[in-house]
Amino acid sequence: MKGKKIHITPENLKFIYGDDYNFFLTKIVSNGFCPQCPDSRYSSTITNYEIFLNDLNDIILEGVCAKCGGKIGRYLETGEVAGYLPRIKEVLRQSGF
């Protein structure tokens, strides 16, 4: 999977985050940086996002800004969190990787 990213489902994301999923919903989704919004300052909400897992076990969200509709993304360094790694590996195993 080196250099690639795979699409994962919202259910996979919930599984990976476990008890931290509420943190994802309240802090990650609503604190994005939108380069198109002049006063965003990491206060844009990402909507209609797709979820990917990359070869570093990090999660990537690709969606749109709720304020202006421009493209916005989030990069979540989940691969550095030891508690997430077993669940990430299970998601990858179930996905055939």
N, C-alpha and C. Protein backbone atom coordinates (compact mmCIF):
# COMPACT_ATOMS: atom_id res chain seq x y z
N MET A 1 0.83 -1.20 0.00
CA MET A 1 0.00 0.00 0.00
C MET A 1 0.87 1.26 0.00
N LYS A 2 2.16 1.12 -0.11
CA LYS A 2 3.07 2.26 -0.02
C LYS A 2 2.71 3.37 -1.00
N GLY A 3 2.56 4.59 -0.45
CA GLY A 3 2.25 5.75 -1.26
C GLY A 3 0.80 5.86 -1.68
N LYS A 4 -0.03 4.95 -1.24
CA LYS A 4 -1.42 4.94 -1.65
C LYS A 4 -2.33 5.29 -0.48
N LYS A 5 -3.56 5.53 -0.82
CA LYS A 5 -4.57 5.71 0.20
C LYS A 5 -5.78 4.89 -0.19
N ILE A 6 -6.45 4.36 0.82
CA ILE A 6 -7.63 3.56 0.55
C ILE A 6 -8.85 4.25 1.16
N HIS A 7 -9.96 4.10 0.48
CA HIS A 7 -11.22 4.67 0.95
C HIS A 7 -11.72 3.80 2.10
N ILE A 8 -12.12 4.43 3.21
CA ILE A 8 -12.73 3.69 4.31
C ILE A 8 -14.10 4.30 4.60
N THR A 9 -14.91 3.56 5.31
CA THR A 9 -16.28 3.97 5.58
C THR A 9 -16.38 4.75 6.89
N PRO A 10 -17.48 5.46 7.09
CA PRO A 10 -17.70 6.11 8.39
C PRO A 10 -17.70 5.10 9.53
N GLU A 11 -18.18 3.89 9.28
CA GLU A 11 -18.16 2.85 10.32
C GLU A 11 -16.72 2.47 10.67
N ASN A 12 -15.84 2.39 9.65
CA ASN A 12 -14.42 2.13 9.90
C ASN A 12 -13.82 3.23 10.77
N LEU A 13 -14.17 4.46 10.45
CA LEU A 13 -13.66 5.60 11.21
C LEU A 13 -14.11 5.53 12.67
N LYS A 14 -15.38 5.22 12.90
CA LYS A 14 -15.89 5.07 14.26
C LYS A 14 -15.15 3.97 15.00
N PHE A 15 -14.89 2.86 14.32
CA PHE A 15 -14.17 1.74 14.92
C PHE A 15 -12.75 2.16 15.29
N ILE A 16 -12.06 2.84 14.39
CA ILE A 16 -10.68 3.27 14.66
C ILE A 16 -10.63 4.22 15.85
N TYR A 17 -11.51 5.20 15.88
CA TYR A 17 -11.49 6.19 16.96
C TYR A 17 -12.04 5.64 18.27
N GLY A 18 -12.92 4.67 18.22
CA GLY A 18 -13.46 4.09 19.45
C GLY A 18 -14.08 5.14 20.34
N ASP A 19 -13.64 5.17 21.59
CA ASP A 19 -14.17 6.13 22.58
C ASP A 19 -13.84 7.58 22.23
N ASP A 20 -12.89 7.80 21.34
CA ASP A 20 -12.50 9.17 20.95
C ASP A 20 -13.33 9.70 19.78
N TYR A 21 -14.32 8.95 19.32
CA TYR A 21 -15.10 9.37 18.16
C TYR A 21 -15.83 10.69 18.40
N ASN A 22 -16.30 10.92 19.61
CA ASN A 22 -16.98 12.18 19.91
C ASN A 22 -16.01 13.35 19.76
N PHE A 23 -14.75 13.16 20.13
CA PHE A 23 -13.72 14.19 19.93
C PHE A 23 -13.59 14.50 18.44
N PHE A 24 -13.59 13.45 17.61
CA PHE A 24 -13.52 13.64 16.17
C PHE A 24 -14.68 14.52 15.69
N LEU A 25 -15.88 14.20 16.13
CA LEU A 25 -17.07 14.95 15.69
C LEU A 25 -17.06 16.40 16.17
N THR A 26 -16.64 16.63 17.39
CA THR A 26 -16.73 17.98 17.95
C THR A 26 -15.51 18.85 17.67
N LYS A 27 -14.34 18.27 17.57
CA LYS A 27 -13.12 19.08 17.42
C LYS A 27 -12.49 19.00 16.03
N ILE A 28 -12.51 17.86 15.41
CA ILE A 28 -11.83 17.71 14.12
C ILE A 28 -12.68 18.24 12.97
N VAL A 29 -13.92 17.81 12.90
CA VAL A 29 -14.80 18.18 11.79
C VAL A 29 -15.06 19.69 11.74
N SER A 30 -15.18 20.30 12.90
CA SER A 30 -15.55 21.72 12.94
C SER A 30 -14.37 22.68 13.05
N ASN A 31 -13.16 22.19 12.95
CA ASN A 31 -11.99 23.06 13.08
C ASN A 31 -11.03 22.89 11.90
N GLY A 32 -11.56 23.05 10.71
CA GLY A 32 -10.73 22.95 9.52
C GLY A 32 -10.27 24.31 9.04
N PHE A 33 -9.20 24.29 8.28
CA PHE A 33 -8.70 25.52 7.67
C PHE A 33 -9.14 25.55 6.22
N CYS A 34 -9.80 26.61 5.83
CA CYS A 34 -10.23 26.78 4.45
C CYS A 34 -9.43 27.91 3.83
N PRO A 35 -8.61 27.62 2.82
CA PRO A 35 -7.82 28.68 2.20
C PRO A 35 -8.65 29.68 1.41
N GLN A 36 -9.89 29.33 1.06
CA GLN A 36 -10.74 30.25 0.31
C GLN A 36 -11.44 31.27 1.21
N CYS A 37 -11.67 30.92 2.48
CA CYS A 37 -12.35 31.84 3.40
C CYS A 37 -11.33 32.81 4.00
N PRO A 38 -11.51 34.10 3.82
CA PRO A 38 -10.51 35.07 4.27
C PRO A 38 -10.32 35.12 5.78
N ASP A 39 -11.31 34.77 6.56
CA ASP A 39 -11.17 34.86 8.02
C ASP A 39 -11.38 33.52 8.70
N SER A 40 -11.04 32.44 8.03
CA SER A 40 -11.31 31.09 8.53
C SER A 40 -10.62 30.80 9.85
N ARG A 41 -9.33 30.97 9.93
CA ARG A 41 -8.56 30.70 11.14
C ARG A 41 -8.93 29.37 11.81
N TYR A 42 -9.00 28.34 11.04
CA TYR A 42 -9.32 26.99 11.52
C TYR A 42 -10.69 26.92 12.18
N SER A 43 -11.63 27.63 11.62
CA SER A 43 -12.98 27.58 12.16
C SER A 43 -13.99 27.08 11.14
N SER A 44 -13.51 26.58 10.02
CA SER A 44 -14.42 26.06 9.00
C SER A 44 -14.77 24.60 9.31
N THR A 45 -16.00 24.25 9.02
CA THR A 45 -16.46 22.88 9.19
C THR A 45 -16.35 22.16 7.86
N ILE A 46 -15.77 20.96 7.89
CA ILE A 46 -15.68 20.16 6.68
C ILE A 46 -16.94 19.31 6.56
N THR A 47 -17.57 19.37 5.40
CA THR A 47 -18.79 18.61 5.16
C THR A 47 -18.63 17.75 3.91
N ASN A 48 -19.56 16.84 3.72
CA ASN A 48 -19.57 15.97 2.54
C ASN A 48 -18.19 15.36 2.28
N TYR A 49 -17.56 14.90 3.34
CA TYR A 49 -16.19 14.41 3.20
C TYR A 49 -16.14 12.91 2.93
N GLU A 50 -15.08 12.55 2.20
CA GLU A 50 -14.72 11.16 2.01
C GLU A 50 -13.56 10.88 2.96
N ILE A 51 -13.44 9.63 3.37
CA ILE A 51 -12.45 9.25 4.37
C ILE A 51 -11.47 8.27 3.75
N PHE A 52 -10.18 8.54 3.95
CA PHE A 52 -9.14 7.67 3.41
C PHE A 52 -8.14 7.34 4.51
N LEU A 53 -7.48 6.20 4.34
CA LEU A 53 -6.39 5.78 5.22
C LEU A 53 -5.16 5.65 4.33
N ASN A 54 -4.05 6.28 4.74
CA ASN A 54 -2.86 6.21 3.89
C ASN A 54 -1.85 5.19 4.42
N ASP A 55 -0.71 5.09 3.75
CA ASP A 55 0.30 4.10 4.09
C ASP A 55 1.02 4.39 5.41
N LEU A 56 0.80 5.55 6.00
CA LEU A 56 1.36 5.88 7.31
C LEU A 56 0.33 5.64 8.42
N ASN A 57 -0.80 5.04 8.05
CA ASN A 57 -1.91 4.79 8.98
C ASN A 57 -2.56 6.07 9.47
N ASP A 58 -2.43 7.11 8.69
CA ASP A 58 -3.07 8.39 9.00
C ASP A 58 -4.37 8.50 8.21
N ILE A 59 -5.32 9.23 8.76
CA ILE A 59 -6.62 9.41 8.13
C ILE A 59 -6.64 10.75 7.40
N ILE A 60 -7.19 10.74 6.20
CA ILE A 60 -7.32 11.94 5.39
C ILE A 60 -8.80 12.15 5.10
N LEU A 61 -9.27 13.36 5.35
CA LEU A 61 -10.64 13.73 5.01
C LEU A 61 -10.57 14.69 3.83
N GLU A 62 -11.38 14.45 2.81
CA GLU A 62 -11.47 15.33 1.66
C GLU A 62 -12.94 15.70 1.49
N GLY A 63 -13.24 16.99 1.63
CA GLY A 63 -14.62 17.43 1.53
C GLY A 63 -14.73 18.87 1.11
N VAL A 64 -15.77 19.53 1.59
CA VAL A 64 -16.00 20.92 1.24
C VAL A 64 -16.23 21.75 2.51
N CYS A 65 -15.92 23.03 2.40
CA CYS A 65 -16.11 23.98 3.48
C CYS A 65 -17.60 24.31 3.60
N ALA A 66 -18.10 24.26 4.82
CA ALA A 66 -19.52 24.57 5.05
C ALA A 66 -19.81 26.05 4.81
N LYS A 67 -18.81 26.92 4.92
CA LYS A 67 -19.02 28.36 4.74
C LYS A 67 -19.07 28.77 3.27
N CYS A 68 -18.11 28.30 2.48
CA CYS A 68 -18.00 28.81 1.11
C CYS A 68 -18.18 27.74 0.03
N GLY A 69 -18.14 26.48 0.41
CA GLY A 69 -18.28 25.40 -0.56
C GLY A 69 -16.99 25.02 -1.26
N GLY A 70 -15.89 25.66 -0.86
CA GLY A 70 -14.59 25.34 -1.46
C GLY A 70 -14.05 24.01 -0.94
N LYS A 71 -13.08 23.47 -1.67
CA LYS A 71 -12.46 22.22 -1.25
C LYS A 71 -11.68 22.43 0.04
N ILE A 72 -11.81 21.47 0.93
CA ILE A 72 -11.12 21.52 2.22
C ILE A 72 -10.73 20.09 2.61
N GLY A 73 -9.64 19.95 3.29
CA GLY A 73 -9.19 18.64 3.73
C GLY A 73 -8.63 18.69 5.13
N ARG A 74 -8.57 17.53 5.74
CA ARG A 74 -7.95 17.39 7.06
C ARG A 74 -7.04 16.18 7.00
N TYR A 75 -5.89 16.30 7.65
CA TYR A 75 -4.93 15.20 7.75
C TYR A 75 -4.80 14.89 9.23
N LEU A 76 -5.17 13.67 9.61
CA LEU A 76 -5.18 13.28 11.02
C LEU A 76 -4.09 12.25 11.27
N GLU A 77 -3.14 12.57 12.12
CA GLU A 77 -2.00 11.70 12.35
C GLU A 77 -2.35 10.57 13.31
N THR A 78 -3.25 9.71 12.87
CA THR A 78 -3.69 8.58 13.69
C THR A 78 -2.63 7.49 13.76
N GLY A 79 -1.74 7.45 12.80
CA GLY A 79 -0.70 6.44 12.79
C GLY A 79 0.29 6.59 13.93
N GLU A 80 0.30 7.74 14.58
CA GLU A 80 1.20 7.99 15.71
C GLU A 80 0.55 7.66 17.05
N VAL A 81 -0.70 7.23 17.03
CA VAL A 81 -1.43 6.96 18.28
C VAL A 81 -1.47 5.44 18.48
N ALA A 82 -0.70 4.96 19.45
CA ALA A 82 -0.58 3.52 19.68
C ALA A 82 -1.93 2.84 19.89
N GLY A 83 -2.86 3.49 20.54
CA GLY A 83 -4.16 2.90 20.79
C GLY A 83 -5.00 2.67 19.55
N TYR A 84 -4.72 3.41 18.49
CA TYR A 84 -5.49 3.26 17.26
C TYR A 84 -4.93 2.16 16.34
N LEU A 85 -3.65 1.85 16.48
CA LEU A 85 -2.98 0.97 15.53
C LEU A 85 -3.62 -0.42 15.40
N PRO A 86 -3.98 -1.09 16.49
CA PRO A 86 -4.62 -2.40 16.32
C PRO A 86 -5.93 -2.31 15.53
N ARG A 87 -6.69 -1.26 15.76
CA ARG A 87 -7.96 -1.10 15.04
C ARG A 87 -7.72 -0.73 13.58
N ILE A 88 -6.70 0.09 13.32
CA ILE A 88 -6.35 0.43 11.94
C ILE A 88 -5.94 -0.84 11.20
N LYS A 89 -5.12 -1.67 11.83
CA LYS A 89 -4.68 -2.91 11.19
C LYS A 89 -5.86 -3.84 10.91
N GLU A 90 -6.85 -3.85 11.79
CA GLU A 90 -8.04 -4.66 11.56
C GLU A 90 -8.84 -4.13 10.37
N VAL A 91 -8.97 -2.81 10.26
CA VAL A 91 -9.66 -2.22 9.11
C VAL A 91 -8.92 -2.57 7.83
N LEU A 92 -7.60 -2.47 7.84
CA LEU A 92 -6.81 -2.81 6.66
C LEU A 92 -6.96 -4.29 6.30
N ARG A 93 -6.95 -5.16 7.31
CA ARG A 93 -7.12 -6.60 7.06
C ARG A 93 -8.48 -6.87 6.43
N GLN A 94 -9.52 -6.25 6.96
CA GLN A 94 -10.87 -6.45 6.43
C GLN A 94 -10.99 -5.90 5.01
N SER A 95 -10.16 -4.90 4.69
CA SER A 95 -10.20 -4.28 3.36
C SER A 95 -9.32 -5.02 2.36
N GLY A 96 -8.62 -6.05 2.83
CA GLY A 96 -7.77 -6.83 1.93
C GLY A 96 -6.35 -6.30 1.78
N PHE A 97 -5.91 -5.47 2.71
CA PHE A 97 -4.54 -4.92 2.64
C PHE A 97 -3.68 -5.50 3.71
